[in-house]
Amino acid sequence: MTNPSPDSTPSYSRAPDRAGVLRAAAKIAALLPPTPLLPLSLPSGETVWAKAESLQPVGAFKIRGAWHRLTDLTEAERARGIVAVSSGNHAQGVAWAAARLGIGARIVMPADAPQVKLSATRALGAEVILYDRRGGESRDAVAAALIAQSGAILVHAYGDPWVIEGQGSAGVEMAEQMEARAGGPPTRIVTPCGGGGLTAGLILACPEATVVPVEPEHWDDITRSLASGHIESVAHDAPVTACDALQTPATYPINFDVLRAAGVQGVAVTEAEVRAAQRWAFDRLHLVIEPGGAVGLAALIAGKVPACGRTAVILSGGNVDRAAFAKVLAGAD
């Protein structure tokens, strides 16, 4: 896969900032209760704090960025409707926010997305347009054609300043919870990373913390990009990963600039390590976590990221197919 072309890269007149994150956090606090922050003992005996974003109304943190973005649209923009691209979690967040605000939503989703995510997005009232990612069809091109036809507003899953700020609200919320329960804000935050929107938002929300993005191996384009100093893309022959929520071909400059300025270093985990983390979360926290939502915990359990100081981990989503999750719990590979 290649880097995003200039024509497919969203362009905005501003960059995300901490003031925007704080404004987004106030919006979310007025709308939704905080997701739980749960203490969790690792196999090493160290304790980390798990932020259960899997318990959001749509089963993932994506509701945050979607709400911040859509509530900032003008009345004229709302009337034009919105278009988004997503493998499922952003789709549900956008569909949920659009339905609540009375905005028409069309979501471009891969034909091989988990059925649970496709069904949930449709159930929220959005129109789903499928594309063939395995056949090389470009989701950005499909979205661009829809926008050209209707004049709809693009709500990008990670390359949008409002979406980035909205995702960062999880960090504001988590810092307040840790102040009350852990003796201070997080000094280290371990987070799943796909396009980098959540990672960038957390950096802006918690500038004193070390933020560690975690990706599935072979889809670790951000980890490699941070090491090389320029945006790299996923290999065209990258194997399929169970972490469908993290299968982004490449990040965008709007995210990468925030990560690089913070001196972030990424980590990759294996499919087996992800399954072990899903089982650990189910056994210890009684939570259902999807593969992409478990990669941060996987890195901690595997010892690839040290749990030093006040360490928090984002459990970013729980939208997983029942049969697939049952196989994970049974230990089937």
C-alpha atoms as a PDB file:
ATOM      1  CA  MET A   1       0.000   0.000   0.000  1.00  0.00           C
ATOM      2  CA  THR A   2       1.194   3.501  -0.743  1.00  0.00           C
ATOM      3  CA  ASN A   3       1.195   6.653   1.262  1.00  0.00           C
ATOM      4  CA  PRO A   4      -1.972   8.733   1.032  1.00  0.00           C
ATOM      5  CA  SER A   5      -1.924  10.905  -2.065  1.00  0.00           C
ATOM      6  CA  PRO A   6      -2.245  14.667  -1.679  1.00  0.00           C
ATOM      7  CA  ASP A   7      -5.709  14.469  -3.221  1.00  0.00           C
ATOM      8  CA  SER A   8      -6.902  12.005  -0.573  1.00  0.00           C
ATOM      9  CA  THR A   9      -5.327  13.744   2.418  1.00  0.00           C
ATOM     10  CA  PRO A  10      -7.796  15.965   4.273  1.00  0.00           C
ATOM     11  CA  SER A  11      -6.768  19.615   4.505  1.00  0.00           C
ATOM     12  CA  TYR A  12      -7.749  21.830   7.447  1.00  0.00           C
ATOM     13  CA  SER A  13      -7.041  25.426   8.354  1.00  0.00           C
ATOM     14  CA  ARG A  14      -5.931  24.533  11.878  1.00  0.00           C
ATOM     15  CA  ALA A  15      -4.064  21.903  13.856  1.00  0.00           C
ATOM     16  CA  PRO A  16      -5.469  20.122  16.905  1.00  0.00           C
ATOM     17  CA  ASP A  17      -4.477  21.644  20.239  1.00  0.00           C
ATOM     18  CA  ARG A  18      -4.925  21.123  23.960  1.00  0.00           C
ATOM     19  CA  ALA A  19      -7.549  23.847  24.233  1.00  0.00           C
ATOM     20  CA  GLY A  20      -9.618  21.881  21.738  1.00  0.00           C
ATOM     21  CA  VAL A  21      -9.117  18.699  23.745  1.00  0.00           C
ATOM     22  CA  LEU A  22     -10.354  20.407  26.897  1.00  0.00           C
ATOM     23  CA  ARG A  23     -13.366  21.794  25.049  1.00  0.00           C
ATOM     24  CA  ALA A  24     -14.131  18.330  23.698  1.00  0.00           C
ATOM     25  CA  ALA A  25     -13.787  16.851  27.185  1.00  0.00           C
ATOM     26  CA  ALA A  26     -16.360  19.314  28.519  1.00  0.00           C
ATOM     27  CA  LYS A  27     -18.759  18.299  25.751  1.00  0.00           C
ATOM     28  CA  ILE A  28     -18.315  14.602  26.495  1.00  0.00           C
ATOM     29  CA  ALA A  29     -18.695  15.129  30.248  1.00  0.00           C
ATOM     30  CA  ALA A  30     -22.052  16.807  29.627  1.00  0.00           C
ATOM     31  CA  LEU A  31     -23.179  13.914  27.431  1.00  0.00           C
ATOM     32  CA  LEU A  32     -21.805  10.663  28.849  1.00  0.00           C
ATOM     33  CA  PRO A  33     -20.642   9.277  32.206  1.00  0.00           C
ATOM     34  CA  PRO A  34     -16.912   8.576  32.521  1.00  0.00           C
ATOM     35  CA  THR A  35     -15.847   5.114  31.444  1.00  0.00           C
ATOM     36  CA  PRO A  36     -14.440   3.033  34.327  1.00  0.00           C
ATOM     37  CA  LEU A  37     -10.775   3.152  35.277  1.00  0.00           C
ATOM     38  CA  LEU A  38      -9.900  -0.256  36.705  1.00  0.00           C
ATOM     39  CA  PRO A  39      -6.765  -1.450  38.530  1.00  0.00           C
ATOM     40  CA  LEU A  40      -5.236  -4.503  36.889  1.00  0.00           C
ATOM     41  CA  SER A  41      -2.341  -6.669  38.070  1.00  0.00           C
ATOM     42  CA  LEU A  42      -0.021  -7.833  35.318  1.00  0.00           C
ATOM     43  CA  PRO A  43       1.640 -11.272  35.308  1.00  0.00           C
ATOM     44  CA  SER A  44       4.764  -9.504  36.620  1.00  0.00           C
ATOM     45  CA  GLY A  45       2.797  -8.346  39.656  1.00  0.00           C
ATOM     46  CA  GLU A  46       2.834  -4.679  38.652  1.00  0.00           C
ATOM     47  CA  THR A  47      -0.422  -2.739  38.705  1.00  0.00           C
ATOM     48  CA  VAL A  48      -1.659  -0.691  35.777  1.00  0.00           C
ATOM     49  CA  TRP A  49      -4.856   1.291  35.356  1.00  0.00           C
ATOM     50  CA  ALA A  50      -7.132   0.136  32.541  1.00  0.00           C
ATOM     51  CA  LYS A  51      -9.443   2.688  30.921  1.00  0.00           C
ATOM     52  CA  ALA A  52     -12.444   0.672  29.712  1.00  0.00           C
ATOM     53  CA  GLU A  53     -13.461   2.580  26.576  1.00  0.00           C
ATOM     54  CA  SER A  54     -15.035  -0.686  25.434  1.00  0.00           C
ATOM     55  CA  LEU A  55     -17.983   0.270  27.667  1.00  0.00           C
ATOM     56  CA  GLN A  56     -18.949   3.345  25.643  1.00  0.00           C
ATOM     57  CA  PRO A  57     -22.488   3.262  24.138  1.00  0.00           C
ATOM     58  CA  VAL A  58     -21.019   2.198  20.785  1.00  0.00           C
ATOM     59  CA  GLY A  59     -18.432  -0.102  22.355  1.00  0.00           C
ATOM     60  CA  ALA A  60     -15.413   2.078  21.549  1.00  0.00           C
ATOM     61  CA  PHE A  61     -13.742   5.436  22.196  1.00  0.00           C
ATOM     62  CA  LYS A  62     -14.626   6.663  18.704  1.00  0.00           C
ATOM     63  CA  ILE A  63     -17.832   8.216  19.997  1.00  0.00           C
ATOM     64  CA  ARG A  64     -15.674  10.985  21.479  1.00  0.00           C
ATOM     65  CA  GLY A  65     -14.163  12.325  18.274  1.00  0.00           C
ATOM     66  CA  ALA A  66     -17.392  11.895  16.349  1.00  0.00           C
ATOM     67  CA  TRP A  67     -19.381  13.922  18.876  1.00  0.00           C
ATOM     68  CA  HIS A  68     -16.840  16.752  19.020  1.00  0.00           C
ATOM     69  CA  ARG A  69     -16.679  16.947  15.223  1.00  0.00           C
ATOM     70  CA  LEU A  70     -20.393  16.796  14.484  1.00  0.00           C
ATOM     71  CA  THR A  71     -21.433  19.210  17.224  1.00  0.00           C
ATOM     72  CA  ASP A  72     -19.053  21.802  15.777  1.00  0.00           C
ATOM     73  CA  LEU A  73     -20.649  21.649  12.312  1.00  0.00           C
ATOM     74  CA  THR A  74     -22.691  24.674  11.285  1.00  0.00           C
ATOM     75  CA  GLU A  75     -26.386  24.273  10.492  1.00  0.00           C
ATOM     76  CA  ALA A  76     -25.583  24.570   6.797  1.00  0.00           C
ATOM     77  CA  GLU A  77     -22.946  21.838   7.073  1.00  0.00           C
ATOM     78  CA  ARG A  78     -25.304  19.564   8.998  1.00  0.00           C
ATOM     79  CA  ALA A  79     -27.881  19.929   6.231  1.00  0.00           C
ATOM     80  CA  ARG A  80     -25.335  18.648   3.683  1.00  0.00           C
ATOM     81  CA  GLY A  81     -24.824  15.422   5.635  1.00  0.00           C
ATOM     82  CA  ILE A  82     -21.562  13.665   6.418  1.00  0.00           C
ATOM     83  CA  VAL A  83     -19.393  10.926   4.936  1.00  0.00           C
ATOM     84  CA  ALA A  84     -16.944   8.796   6.919  1.00  0.00           C
ATOM     85  CA  VAL A  85     -14.647   5.846   6.243  1.00  0.00           C
ATOM     86  CA  SER A  86     -14.215   3.134   8.860  1.00  0.00           C
ATOM     87  CA  SER A  87     -13.818  -0.577   9.512  1.00  0.00           C
ATOM     88  CA  GLY A  88     -16.484  -0.287  12.180  1.00  0.00           C
ATOM     89  CA  ASN A  89     -15.780   1.605  15.400  1.00  0.00           C
ATOM     90  CA  HIS A  90     -15.537   5.105  13.919  1.00  0.00           C
ATOM     91  CA  ALA A  91     -18.544   4.152  11.800  1.00  0.00           C
ATOM     92  CA  GLN A  92     -20.615   3.461  14.882  1.00  0.00           C
ATOM     93  CA  GLY A  93     -19.416   6.580  16.686  1.00  0.00           C
ATOM     94  CA  VAL A  94     -20.314   8.772  13.710  1.00  0.00           C
ATOM     95  CA  ALA A  95     -23.642   6.998  13.158  1.00  0.00           C
ATOM     96  CA  TRP A  96     -24.552   7.391  16.848  1.00  0.00           C
ATOM     97  CA  ALA A  97     -23.705  11.106  16.900  1.00  0.00           C
ATOM     98  CA  ALA A  98     -25.381  11.755  13.546  1.00  0.00           C
ATOM     99  CA  ALA A  99     -28.600  10.060  14.643  1.00  0.00           C
ATOM    100  CA  ARG A 100     -28.688  12.057  17.874  1.00  0.00           C
ATOM    101  CA  LEU A 101     -28.134  15.320  15.984  1.00  0.00           C
ATOM    102  CA  GLY A 102     -30.422  14.545  13.038  1.00  0.00           C
ATOM    103  CA  ILE A 103     -27.621  14.513  10.452  1.00  0.00           C
ATOM    104  CA  GLY A 104     -27.639  12.205   7.436  1.00  0.00           C
ATOM    105  CA  ALA A 105     -24.639   9.855   7.501  1.00  0.00           C
ATOM    106  CA  ARG A 106     -23.068   7.636   4.858  1.00  0.00           C
ATOM    107  CA  ILE A 107     -20.232   5.380   5.978  1.00  0.00           C
ATOM    108  CA  VAL A 108     -17.725   3.706   3.641  1.00  0.00           C
ATOM    109  CA  MET A 109     -16.852   0.323   5.175  1.00  0.00           C
ATOM    110  CA  PRO A 110     -14.840  -2.694   3.979  1.00  0.00           C
ATOM    111  CA  ALA A 111     -16.953  -5.576   2.710  1.00  0.00           C
ATOM    112  CA  ASP A 112     -15.031  -7.933   4.995  1.00  0.00           C
ATOM    113  CA  ALA A 113     -15.550  -5.866   8.169  1.00  0.00           C
ATOM    114  CA  PRO A 114     -16.873  -7.881  11.117  1.00  0.00           C
ATOM    115  CA  GLN A 115     -20.595  -8.453  10.678  1.00  0.00           C
ATOM    116  CA  VAL A 116     -21.230  -7.183  14.203  1.00  0.00           C
ATOM    117  CA  LYS A 117     -19.835  -3.781  13.201  1.00  0.00           C
ATOM    118  CA  LEU A 118     -21.681  -3.616   9.886  1.00  0.00           C
ATOM    119  CA  SER A 119     -24.978  -4.537  11.522  1.00  0.00           C
ATOM    120  CA  ALA A 120     -24.527  -2.102  14.410  1.00  0.00           C
ATOM    121  CA  THR A 121     -23.734   0.786  12.053  1.00  0.00           C
ATOM    122  CA  ARG A 122     -26.836   0.132   9.972  1.00  0.00           C
ATOM    123  CA  ALA A 123     -28.946  -0.249  13.111  1.00  0.00           C
ATOM    124  CA  LEU A 124     -27.919   3.269  14.141  1.00  0.00           C
ATOM    125  CA  GLY A 125     -29.461   4.624  10.956  1.00  0.00           C
ATOM    126  CA  ALA A 126     -26.397   5.231   8.776  1.00  0.00           C
ATOM    127  CA  GLU A 127     -26.219   4.207   5.130  1.00  0.00           C
ATOM    128  CA  VAL A 128     -23.316   1.781   4.652  1.00  0.00           C
ATOM    129  CA  ILE A 129     -21.380   1.764   1.360  1.00  0.00           C
ATOM    130  CA  LEU A 130     -19.111  -1.270   1.010  1.00  0.00           C
ATOM    131  CA  TYR A 131     -15.733  -1.367  -0.724  1.00  0.00           C
ATOM    132  CA  ASP A 132     -13.278  -4.179  -1.491  1.00  0.00           C
ATOM    133  CA  ARG A 133     -10.083  -3.483   0.424  1.00  0.00           C
ATOM    134  CA  ARG A 134      -8.651  -6.914  -0.391  1.00  0.00           C
ATOM    135  CA  GLY A 135      -9.064  -6.141  -4.077  1.00  0.00           C
ATOM    136  CA  GLY A 136      -7.198  -2.867  -3.713  1.00  0.00           C
ATOM    137  CA  GLU A 137     -10.198  -0.539  -3.921  1.00  0.00           C
ATOM    138  CA  SER A 138      -9.497   2.827  -2.260  1.00  0.00           C
ATOM    139  CA  ARG A 139     -11.872   3.818   0.513  1.00  0.00           C
ATOM    140  CA  ASP A 140     -10.694   7.413   0.175  1.00  0.00           C
ATOM    141  CA  ALA A 141     -11.627   7.403  -3.513  1.00  0.00           C
ATOM    142  CA  VAL A 142     -15.072   5.999  -2.732  1.00  0.00           C
ATOM    143  CA  ALA A 143     -15.610   8.658  -0.060  1.00  0.00           C
ATOM    144  CA  ALA A 144     -14.358  11.423  -2.365  1.00  0.00           C
ATOM    145  CA  ALA A 145     -16.860  10.397  -5.038  1.00  0.00           C
ATOM    146  CA  LEU A 146     -19.722  10.503  -2.526  1.00  0.00           C
ATOM    147  CA  ILE A 147     -18.662  13.942  -1.331  1.00  0.00           C
ATOM    148  CA  ALA A 148     -18.374  15.237  -4.904  1.00  0.00           C
ATOM    149  CA  GLN A 149     -21.916  14.055  -5.606  1.00  0.00           C
ATOM    150  CA  SER A 150     -23.570  15.516  -2.525  1.00  0.00           C
ATOM    151  CA  GLY A 151     -21.301  18.162  -1.018  1.00  0.00           C
ATOM    152  CA  ALA A 152     -21.286  16.203   2.265  1.00  0.00           C
ATOM    153  CA  ILE A 153     -18.719  16.899   5.002  1.00  0.00           C
ATOM    154  CA  LEU A 154     -15.908  14.379   5.455  1.00  0.00           C
ATOM    155  CA  VAL A 155     -15.505  13.145   9.029  1.00  0.00           C
ATOM    156  CA  HIS A 156     -12.168  11.385   8.820  1.00  0.00           C
ATOM    157  CA  ALA A 157     -11.402   8.637  11.308  1.00  0.00           C
ATOM    158  CA  TYR A 158      -8.021  10.060  12.352  1.00  0.00           C
ATOM    159  CA  GLY A 159      -6.879  12.835   9.998  1.00  0.00           C
ATOM    160  CA  ASP A 160      -9.222  15.502  11.412  1.00  0.00           C
ATOM    161  CA  PRO A 161      -8.318  18.027  14.148  1.00  0.00           C
ATOM    162  CA  TRP A 162     -11.745  17.827  15.801  1.00  0.00           C
ATOM    163  CA  VAL A 163     -11.665  14.025  15.839  1.00  0.00           C
ATOM    164  CA  ILE A 164      -8.153  14.023  17.322  1.00  0.00           C
ATOM    165  CA  GLU A 165      -9.216  16.470  20.041  1.00  0.00           C
ATOM    166  CA  GLY A 166     -12.312  14.437  20.792  1.00  0.00           C
ATOM    167  CA  GLN A 167     -10.301  11.245  21.234  1.00  0.00           C
ATOM    168  CA  GLY A 168      -7.993  13.140  23.574  1.00  0.00           C
ATOM    169  CA  SER A 169     -10.916  13.701  25.933  1.00  0.00           C
ATOM    170  CA  ALA A 170     -10.292  10.134  27.136  1.00  0.00           C
ATOM    171  CA  GLY A 171      -6.942  11.342  28.473  1.00  0.00           C
ATOM    172  CA  VAL A 172      -8.480  14.297  30.301  1.00  0.00           C
ATOM    173  CA  GLU A 173     -11.037  12.011  31.899  1.00  0.00           C
ATOM    174  CA  MET A 174      -8.424   9.409  32.795  1.00  0.00           C
ATOM    175  CA  ALA A 175      -6.079  11.968  34.354  1.00  0.00           C
ATOM    176  CA  GLU A 176      -8.860  13.191  36.639  1.00  0.00           C
ATOM    177  CA  GLN A 177      -9.670   9.627  37.679  1.00  0.00           C
ATOM    178  CA  MET A 178      -6.028   8.806  38.392  1.00  0.00           C
ATOM    179  CA  GLU A 179      -5.577  11.982  40.416  1.00  0.00           C
ATOM    180  CA  ALA A 180      -8.355  10.717  42.675  1.00  0.00           C
ATOM    181  CA  ARG A 181      -7.393   7.038  42.770  1.00  0.00           C
ATOM    182  CA  ALA A 182      -3.726   6.625  41.896  1.00  0.00           C
ATOM    183  CA  GLY A 183      -2.166   9.619  43.586  1.00  0.00           C
ATOM    184  CA  GLY A 184      -1.562  11.637  40.445  1.00  0.00           C
ATOM    185  CA  PRO A 185      -2.046  11.735  36.689  1.00  0.00           C
ATOM    186  CA  PRO A 186      -0.570   9.026  34.451  1.00  0.00           C
ATOM    187  CA  THR A 187       3.143   9.134  33.820  1.00  0.00           C
ATOM    188  CA  ARG A 188       2.857   6.543  31.034  1.00  0.00           C
ATOM    189  CA  ILE A 189      -0.091   5.801  28.738  1.00  0.00           C
ATOM    190  CA  VAL A 190      -0.091   2.687  26.566  1.00  0.00           C
ATOM    191  CA  THR A 191      -2.612   2.861  23.754  1.00  0.00           C
ATOM    192  CA  PRO A 192      -3.790   0.971  20.693  1.00  0.00           C
ATOM    193  CA  CYS A 193      -2.815   2.786  17.510  1.00  0.00           C
ATOM    194  CA  GLY A 194      -4.246   2.588  14.007  1.00  0.00           C
ATOM    195  CA  GLY A 195      -4.134   5.918  12.208  1.00  0.00           C
ATOM    196  CA  GLY A 196      -2.792   7.773  15.240  1.00  0.00           C
ATOM    197  CA  GLY A 197      -5.798   9.925  16.136  1.00  0.00           C
ATOM    198  CA  LEU A 198      -6.147   8.568  19.659  1.00  0.00           C
ATOM    199  CA  THR A 199      -2.389   8.657  20.252  1.00  0.00           C
ATOM    200  CA  ALA A 200      -2.159  12.279  19.133  1.00  0.00           C
ATOM    201  CA  GLY A 201      -5.157  13.224  21.259  1.00  0.00           C
ATOM    202  CA  LEU A 202      -3.666  11.594  24.353  1.00  0.00           C
ATOM    203  CA  ILE A 203      -0.378  13.439  23.839  1.00  0.00           C
ATOM    204  CA  LEU A 204      -2.241  16.755  23.719  1.00  0.00           C
ATOM    205  CA  ALA A 205      -4.383  15.813  26.729  1.00  0.00           C
ATOM    206  CA  CYS A 206      -1.533  14.586  28.934  1.00  0.00           C
ATOM    207  CA  PRO A 207       1.614  16.431  27.835  1.00  0.00           C
ATOM    208  CA  GLU A 208       3.610  15.330  30.897  1.00  0.00           C
ATOM    209  CA  ALA A 209       3.020  11.616  30.258  1.00  0.00           C
ATOM    210  CA  THR A 210       4.981   9.284  28.005  1.00  0.00           C
ATOM    211  CA  VAL A 211       2.514   7.966  25.434  1.00  0.00           C
ATOM    212  CA  VAL A 212       3.322   4.606  23.813  1.00  0.00           C
ATOM    213  CA  PRO A 213       1.381   3.641  20.652  1.00  0.00           C
ATOM    214  CA  VAL A 214       1.018  -0.095  20.056  1.00  0.00           C
ATOM    215  CA  GLU A 215       0.226  -1.709  16.700  1.00  0.00           C
ATOM    216  CA  PRO A 216      -0.151  -5.279  15.428  1.00  0.00           C
ATOM    217  CA  GLU A 217       2.985  -6.600  13.762  1.00  0.00           C
ATOM    218  CA  HIS A 218       3.097  -6.127   9.971  1.00  0.00           C
ATOM    219  CA  TRP A 219       0.698  -3.185  10.458  1.00  0.00           C
ATOM    220  CA  ASP A 220       3.206  -1.171  12.489  1.00  0.00           C
ATOM    221  CA  ASP A 221       3.587   1.658   9.978  1.00  0.00           C
ATOM    222  CA  ILE A 222       3.544   4.352  12.671  1.00  0.00           C
ATOM    223  CA  THR A 223       6.220   2.567  14.703  1.00  0.00           C
ATOM    224  CA  ARG A 224       8.410   2.413  11.595  1.00  0.00           C
ATOM    225  CA  SER A 225       7.549   5.984  10.618  1.00  0.00           C
ATOM    226  CA  LEU A 226       8.619   7.301  14.010  1.00  0.00           C
ATOM    227  CA  ALA A 227      11.888   5.377  13.758  1.00  0.00           C
ATOM    228  CA  SER A 228      12.670   6.671  10.257  1.00  0.00           C
ATOM    229  CA  GLY A 229      11.388  10.212  10.750  1.00  0.00           C
ATOM    230  CA  HIS A 230       8.992  10.176   7.810  1.00  0.00           C
ATOM    231  CA  ILE A 231       5.597   8.658   7.081  1.00  0.00           C
ATOM    232  CA  GLU A 232       5.804   5.059   5.895  1.00  0.00           C
ATOM    233  CA  SER A 233       2.954   2.829   4.775  1.00  0.00           C
ATOM    234  CA  VAL A 234       1.947  -0.749   5.395  1.00  0.00           C
ATOM    235  CA  ALA A 235       3.415  -3.257   2.935  1.00  0.00           C
ATOM    236  CA  HIS A 236       1.099  -4.134   0.054  1.00  0.00           C
ATOM    237  CA  ASP A 237       1.323  -7.808   1.009  1.00  0.00           C
ATOM    238  CA  ALA A 238       0.799  -7.362   4.769  1.00  0.00           C
ATOM    239  CA  PRO A 239      -1.010 -10.403   6.178  1.00  0.00           C
ATOM    240  CA  VAL A 240      -4.528 -10.103   7.506  1.00  0.00           C
ATOM    241  CA  THR A 241      -4.655  -9.272  11.202  1.00  0.00           C
ATOM    242  CA  ALA A 242      -7.422  -9.963  13.696  1.00  0.00           C
ATOM    243  CA  CYS A 243      -7.006  -6.313  14.714  1.00  0.00           C
ATOM    244  CA  ASP A 244      -9.386  -5.060  12.022  1.00  0.00           C
ATOM    245  CA  ALA A 245      -9.787  -1.704  13.787  1.00  0.00           C
ATOM    246  CA  LEU A 246      -6.063  -0.991  13.322  1.00  0.00           C
ATOM    247  CA  GLN A 247      -5.698  -1.798   9.615  1.00  0.00           C
ATOM    248  CA  THR A 248      -4.891   1.697   8.396  1.00  0.00           C
ATOM    249  CA  PRO A 249      -2.521   1.931   5.420  1.00  0.00           C
ATOM    250  CA  ALA A 250      -0.624   5.000   6.679  1.00  0.00           C
ATOM    251  CA  THR A 251      -0.961   7.898   9.062  1.00  0.00           C
ATOM    252  CA  TYR A 252      -1.406  11.535   8.014  1.00  0.00           C
ATOM    253  CA  PRO A 253       0.865  14.500   8.766  1.00  0.00           C
ATOM    254  CA  ILE A 254      -1.687  16.053  11.153  1.00  0.00           C
ATOM    255  CA  ASN A 255      -1.185  13.071  13.507  1.00  0.00           C
ATOM    256  CA  PHE A 256       2.423  12.303  12.730  1.00  0.00           C
ATOM    257  CA  ASP A 257       3.563  15.850  13.518  1.00  0.00           C
ATOM    258  CA  VAL A 258       2.102  15.594  17.044  1.00  0.00           C
ATOM    259  CA  LEU A 259       3.680  12.179  17.650  1.00  0.00           C
ATOM    260  CA  ARG A 260       7.077  13.153  16.295  1.00  0.00           C
ATOM    261  CA  ALA A 261       7.192  16.411  18.268  1.00  0.00           C
ATOM    262  CA  ALA A 262       6.561  14.425  21.459  1.00  0.00           C
ATOM    263  CA  GLY A 263       9.415  12.014  20.727  1.00  0.00           C
ATOM    264  CA  VAL A 264       7.070   9.034  20.752  1.00  0.00           C
ATOM    265  CA  GLN A 265       8.345   5.508  20.106  1.00  0.00           C
ATOM    266  CA  GLY A 266       5.984   2.736  19.026  1.00  0.00           C
ATOM    267  CA  VAL A 267       5.786  -0.988  19.737  1.00  0.00           C
ATOM    268  CA  ALA A 268       4.404  -3.933  17.750  1.00  0.00           C
ATOM    269  CA  VAL A 269       2.749  -7.059  19.168  1.00  0.00           C
ATOM    270  CA  THR A 270       1.990 -10.469  17.709  1.00  0.00           C
ATOM    271  CA  GLU A 271      -1.415 -12.006  17.093  1.00  0.00           C
ATOM    272  CA  ALA A 272      -0.746 -14.558  19.851  1.00  0.00           C
ATOM    273  CA  GLU A 273       0.106 -11.777  22.305  1.00  0.00           C
ATOM    274  CA  VAL A 274      -3.144 -10.020  21.424  1.00  0.00           C
ATOM    275  CA  ARG A 275      -5.196 -13.158  22.079  1.00  0.00           C
ATOM    276  CA  ALA A 276      -3.461 -13.618  25.437  1.00  0.00           C
ATOM    277  CA  ALA A 277      -4.376 -10.046  26.370  1.00  0.00           C
ATOM    278  CA  GLN A 278      -8.017 -10.591  25.397  1.00  0.00           C
ATOM    279  CA  ARG A 279      -8.149 -13.618  27.681  1.00  0.00           C
ATOM    280  CA  TRP A 280      -6.395 -11.728  30.490  1.00  0.00           C
ATOM    281  CA  ALA A 281      -8.905  -8.865  30.318  1.00  0.00           C
ATOM    282  CA  PHE A 282     -11.810 -11.299  30.323  1.00  0.00           C
ATOM    283  CA  ASP A 283     -10.457 -13.348  33.232  1.00  0.00           C
ATOM    284  CA  ARG A 284      -9.264 -10.431  35.402  1.00  0.00           C
ATOM    285  CA  LEU A 285     -11.634  -7.593  34.495  1.00  0.00           C
ATOM    286  CA  HIS A 286     -14.580  -9.552  33.096  1.00  0.00           C
ATOM    287  CA  LEU A 287     -14.452  -7.379  29.981  1.00  0.00           C
ATOM    288  CA  VAL A 288     -14.916  -8.317  26.338  1.00  0.00           C
ATOM    289  CA  ILE A 289     -12.137  -6.574  24.402  1.00  0.00           C
ATOM    290  CA  GLU A 290     -11.746  -6.799  20.632  1.00  0.00           C
ATOM    291  CA  PRO A 291      -8.298  -7.622  19.216  1.00  0.00           C
ATOM    292  CA  GLY A 292      -7.471  -4.045  18.223  1.00  0.00           C
ATOM    293  CA  GLY A 293      -8.588  -2.804  21.614  1.00  0.00           C
ATOM    294  CA  ALA A 294      -6.275  -5.232  23.424  1.00  0.00           C
ATOM    295  CA  VAL A 295      -2.919  -4.449  21.776  1.00  0.00           C
ATOM    296  CA  GLY A 296      -1.825  -1.989  24.471  1.00  0.00           C
ATOM    297  CA  LEU A 297      -2.497  -4.525  27.191  1.00  0.00           C
ATOM    298  CA  ALA A 298      -0.719  -7.139  25.067  1.00  0.00           C
ATOM    299  CA  ALA A 299       2.440  -5.034  25.022  1.00  0.00           C
ATOM    300  CA  LEU A 300       2.369  -4.683  28.809  1.00  0.00           C
ATOM    301  CA  ILE A 301       1.717  -8.367  29.480  1.00  0.00           C
ATOM    302  CA  ALA A 302       4.478  -9.387  27.061  1.00  0.00           C
ATOM    303  CA  GLY A 303       6.930  -7.025  28.774  1.00  0.00           C
ATOM    304  CA  LYS A 304       7.458  -4.966  25.624  1.00  0.00           C
ATOM    305  CA  VAL A 305       6.479  -1.801  27.514  1.00  0.00           C
ATOM    306  CA  PRO A 306       7.514  -1.350  31.166  1.00  0.00           C
ATOM    307  CA  ALA A 307       4.764  -0.622  33.663  1.00  0.00           C
ATOM    308  CA  CYS A 308       6.742   1.961  35.605  1.00  0.00           C
ATOM    309  CA  GLY A 309       5.354   4.879  37.549  1.00  0.00           C
ATOM    310  CA  ARG A 310       1.628   5.494  37.151  1.00  0.00           C
ATOM    311  CA  THR A 311       0.893   3.507  34.012  1.00  0.00           C
ATOM    312  CA  ALA A 312      -2.470   3.529  32.267  1.00  0.00           C
ATOM    313  CA  VAL A 313      -3.614   1.419  29.343  1.00  0.00           C
ATOM    314  CA  ILE A 314      -6.482   2.164  26.991  1.00  0.00           C
ATOM    315  CA  LEU A 315      -8.834  -0.752  26.276  1.00  0.00           C
ATOM    316  CA  SER A 316     -10.182   1.015  23.233  1.00  0.00           C
ATOM    317  CA  GLY A 317     -13.002  -1.208  21.978  1.00  0.00           C
ATOM    318  CA  GLY A 318     -15.100  -4.297  22.571  1.00  0.00           C
ATOM    319  CA  ASN A 319     -16.876  -4.846  19.245  1.00  0.00           C
ATOM    320  CA  VAL A 320     -15.889  -8.416  18.489  1.00  0.00           C
ATOM    321  CA  ASP A 321     -17.683 -11.232  16.714  1.00  0.00           C
ATOM    322  CA  ARG A 322     -19.098 -13.705  19.243  1.00  0.00           C
ATOM    323  CA  ALA A 323     -17.765 -16.799  17.493  1.00  0.00           C
ATOM    324  CA  ALA A 324     -14.303 -15.280  17.078  1.00  0.00           C
ATOM    325  CA  PHE A 325     -14.186 -14.270  20.739  1.00  0.00           C
ATOM    326  CA  ALA A 326     -15.325 -17.724  21.842  1.00  0.00           C
ATOM    327  CA  LYS A 327     -12.379 -19.222  19.937  1.00  0.00           C
ATOM    328  CA  VAL A 328      -9.995 -16.812  21.643  1.00  0.00           C
ATOM    329  CA  LEU A 329     -11.323 -17.767  25.080  1.00  0.00           C
ATOM    330  CA  ALA A 330     -11.033 -21.434  24.203  1.00  0.00           C
ATOM    331  CA  GLY A 331      -7.401 -20.905  23.303  1.00  0.00           C
ATOM    332  CA  ALA A 332      -7.940 -21.807  19.654  1.00  0.00           C
ATOM    333  CA  ASP A 333      -5.465 -20.342  17.146  1.00  0.00           C
END
